[in-house]
Amino acid sequence: MMNDVVFVYSELQIKERNEILNKQGKRFVCGKLYTGAGNKPFSRIIKEKDLDAMKSQYPDMKIIGQGNKSNFRYVNVSSELNI
């Protein structure tokens, strides 16, 4: 489907993003995917067709959620000042 997305989590990707952001005095903040009573962190939202490329770039990638984007409640990833 058009709006099908995959919420993924990768420590390697987070480390890579932090290396870039640290030079700007910032740090990466994981997104939160709300599931029932709790939430799960994710590092990126991708399209299903990009799963293989993501897995080859970040072998530690885990799928946190998958489906139509409008069916999920989440707070997207961001960066903040590293104070």
C-alpha atoms as a PDB file:
ATOM      1  CA  MET A   1       0.000   0.000   0.000  1.00  0.00           C
ATOM      2  CA  MET A   2       0.973   3.640  -0.416  1.00  0.00           C
ATOM      3  CA  ASN A   3       1.003   4.536   3.270  1.00  0.00           C
ATOM      4  CA  ASP A   4       2.611   1.331   4.532  1.00  0.00           C
ATOM      5  CA  VAL A   5       5.676   2.087   6.606  1.00  0.00           C
ATOM      6  CA  VAL A   6       8.098   0.235   8.844  1.00  0.00           C
ATOM      7  CA  PHE A   7       9.275   1.599  12.198  1.00  0.00           C
ATOM      8  CA  VAL A   8      12.828   0.341  12.741  1.00  0.00           C
ATOM      9  CA  TYR A   9      15.404   0.517  15.518  1.00  0.00           C
ATOM     10  CA  SER A  10      19.172   0.333  15.049  1.00  0.00           C
ATOM     11  CA  GLU A  11      21.878   1.102  17.614  1.00  0.00           C
ATOM     12  CA  LEU A  12      24.371   1.479  14.743  1.00  0.00           C
ATOM     13  CA  GLN A  13      22.201   4.119  13.084  1.00  0.00           C
ATOM     14  CA  ILE A  14      21.762   5.998  16.377  1.00  0.00           C
ATOM     15  CA  LYS A  15      25.532   5.964  16.936  1.00  0.00           C
ATOM     16  CA  GLU A  16      26.126   7.225  13.389  1.00  0.00           C
ATOM     17  CA  ARG A  17      23.557  10.038  13.755  1.00  0.00           C
ATOM     18  CA  ASN A  18      25.070  11.071  17.105  1.00  0.00           C
ATOM     19  CA  GLU A  19      28.553  11.303  15.581  1.00  0.00           C
ATOM     20  CA  ILE A  20      27.195  13.768  13.026  1.00  0.00           C
ATOM     21  CA  LEU A  21      25.007  15.717  15.470  1.00  0.00           C
ATOM     22  CA  ASN A  22      27.724  15.970  18.155  1.00  0.00           C
ATOM     23  CA  LYS A  23      29.671  18.244  15.799  1.00  0.00           C
ATOM     24  CA  GLN A  24      26.680  20.618  15.927  1.00  0.00           C
ATOM     25  CA  GLY A  25      26.337  20.384  19.720  1.00  0.00           C
ATOM     26  CA  LYS A  26      23.237  18.194  19.409  1.00  0.00           C
ATOM     27  CA  ARG A  27      22.185  14.625  20.092  1.00  0.00           C
ATOM     28  CA  PHE A  28      19.760  12.197  18.467  1.00  0.00           C
ATOM     29  CA  VAL A  29      16.434  11.488  20.191  1.00  0.00           C
ATOM     30  CA  CYS A  30      14.625   8.266  19.291  1.00  0.00           C
ATOM     31  CA  GLY A  31      11.020   8.402  18.243  1.00  0.00           C
ATOM     32  CA  LYS A  32       8.352   6.644  20.313  1.00  0.00           C
ATOM     33  CA  LEU A  33       5.830   4.197  18.910  1.00  0.00           C
ATOM     34  CA  TYR A  34       2.879   3.875  21.282  1.00  0.00           C
ATOM     35  CA  THR A  35       1.767   0.284  21.815  1.00  0.00           C
ATOM     36  CA  GLY A  36      -1.050  -0.376  24.241  1.00  0.00           C
ATOM     37  CA  ALA A  37      -0.015   0.892  27.664  1.00  0.00           C
ATOM     38  CA  GLY A  38       3.602   1.641  26.768  1.00  0.00           C
ATOM     39  CA  ASN A  39       5.868   2.793  23.981  1.00  0.00           C
ATOM     40  CA  LYS A  40       8.842   1.460  22.062  1.00  0.00           C
ATOM     41  CA  PRO A  41      11.751   3.525  20.736  1.00  0.00           C
ATOM     42  CA  PHE A  42      12.480   3.653  17.008  1.00  0.00           C
ATOM     43  CA  SER A  43      15.315   5.242  15.065  1.00  0.00           C
ATOM     44  CA  ARG A  44      13.675   5.687  11.670  1.00  0.00           C
ATOM     45  CA  ILE A  45      10.468   5.310   9.654  1.00  0.00           C
ATOM     46  CA  ILE A  46      11.059   3.757   6.244  1.00  0.00           C
ATOM     47  CA  LYS A  47       9.019   2.423   3.334  1.00  0.00           C
ATOM     48  CA  GLU A  48       8.679  -1.364   3.030  1.00  0.00           C
ATOM     49  CA  LYS A  49      10.655  -1.306  -0.231  1.00  0.00           C
ATOM     50  CA  ASP A  50      13.674   0.116   1.653  1.00  0.00           C
ATOM     51  CA  LEU A  51      13.866  -2.715   4.215  1.00  0.00           C
ATOM     52  CA  ASP A  52      16.617  -4.683   2.447  1.00  0.00           C
ATOM     53  CA  ALA A  53      18.821  -1.601   1.968  1.00  0.00           C
ATOM     54  CA  MET A  54      18.341  -0.605   5.609  1.00  0.00           C
ATOM     55  CA  LYS A  55      19.161  -4.134   6.807  1.00  0.00           C
ATOM     56  CA  SER A  56      22.364  -4.239   4.732  1.00  0.00           C
ATOM     57  CA  GLN A  57      23.464  -0.809   5.999  1.00  0.00           C
ATOM     58  CA  TYR A  58      22.508  -1.507   9.625  1.00  0.00           C
ATOM     59  CA  PRO A  59      22.684  -5.288  10.293  1.00  0.00           C
ATOM     60  CA  ASP A  60      21.416  -4.809  13.873  1.00  0.00           C
ATOM     61  CA  MET A  61      18.111  -3.313  12.613  1.00  0.00           C
ATOM     62  CA  LYS A  62      14.935  -4.537  14.315  1.00  0.00           C
ATOM     63  CA  ILE A  63      11.373  -3.986  13.109  1.00  0.00           C
ATOM     64  CA  ILE A  64       9.329  -2.280  15.834  1.00  0.00           C
ATOM     65  CA  GLY A  65       6.065  -1.871  13.913  1.00  0.00           C
ATOM     66  CA  GLN A  66       4.787  -2.224  10.370  1.00  0.00           C
ATOM     67  CA  GLY A  67       1.627  -1.217   8.527  1.00  0.00           C
ATOM     68  CA  ASN A  68      -0.411   1.782   7.445  1.00  0.00           C
ATOM     69  CA  LYS A  69       1.080   4.955   8.925  1.00  0.00           C
ATOM     70  CA  SER A  70      -2.343   6.301   9.894  1.00  0.00           C
ATOM     71  CA  ASN A  71      -2.947   3.286  12.171  1.00  0.00           C
ATOM     72  CA  PHE A  72      -0.069   4.208  14.501  1.00  0.00           C
ATOM     73  CA  ARG A  73       0.350   6.767  17.265  1.00  0.00           C
ATOM     74  CA  TYR A  74       3.928   7.967  17.481  1.00  0.00           C
ATOM     75  CA  VAL A  75       6.306  10.832  18.168  1.00  0.00           C
ATOM     76  CA  ASN A  76       8.860  11.176  15.384  1.00  0.00           C
ATOM     77  CA  VAL A  77      12.644  11.152  15.848  1.00  0.00           C
ATOM     78  CA  SER A  78      14.333  14.479  16.517  1.00  0.00           C
ATOM     79  CA  SER A  79      17.503  16.092  17.745  1.00  0.00           C
ATOM     80  CA  GLU A  80      18.097  18.327  20.720  1.00  0.00           C
ATOM     81  CA  LEU A  81      20.890  20.434  22.127  1.00  0.00           C
ATOM     82  CA  ASN A  82      23.449  18.302  23.898  1.00  0.00           C
ATOM     83  CA  ILE A  83      23.638  20.117  27.244  1.00  0.00           C
END
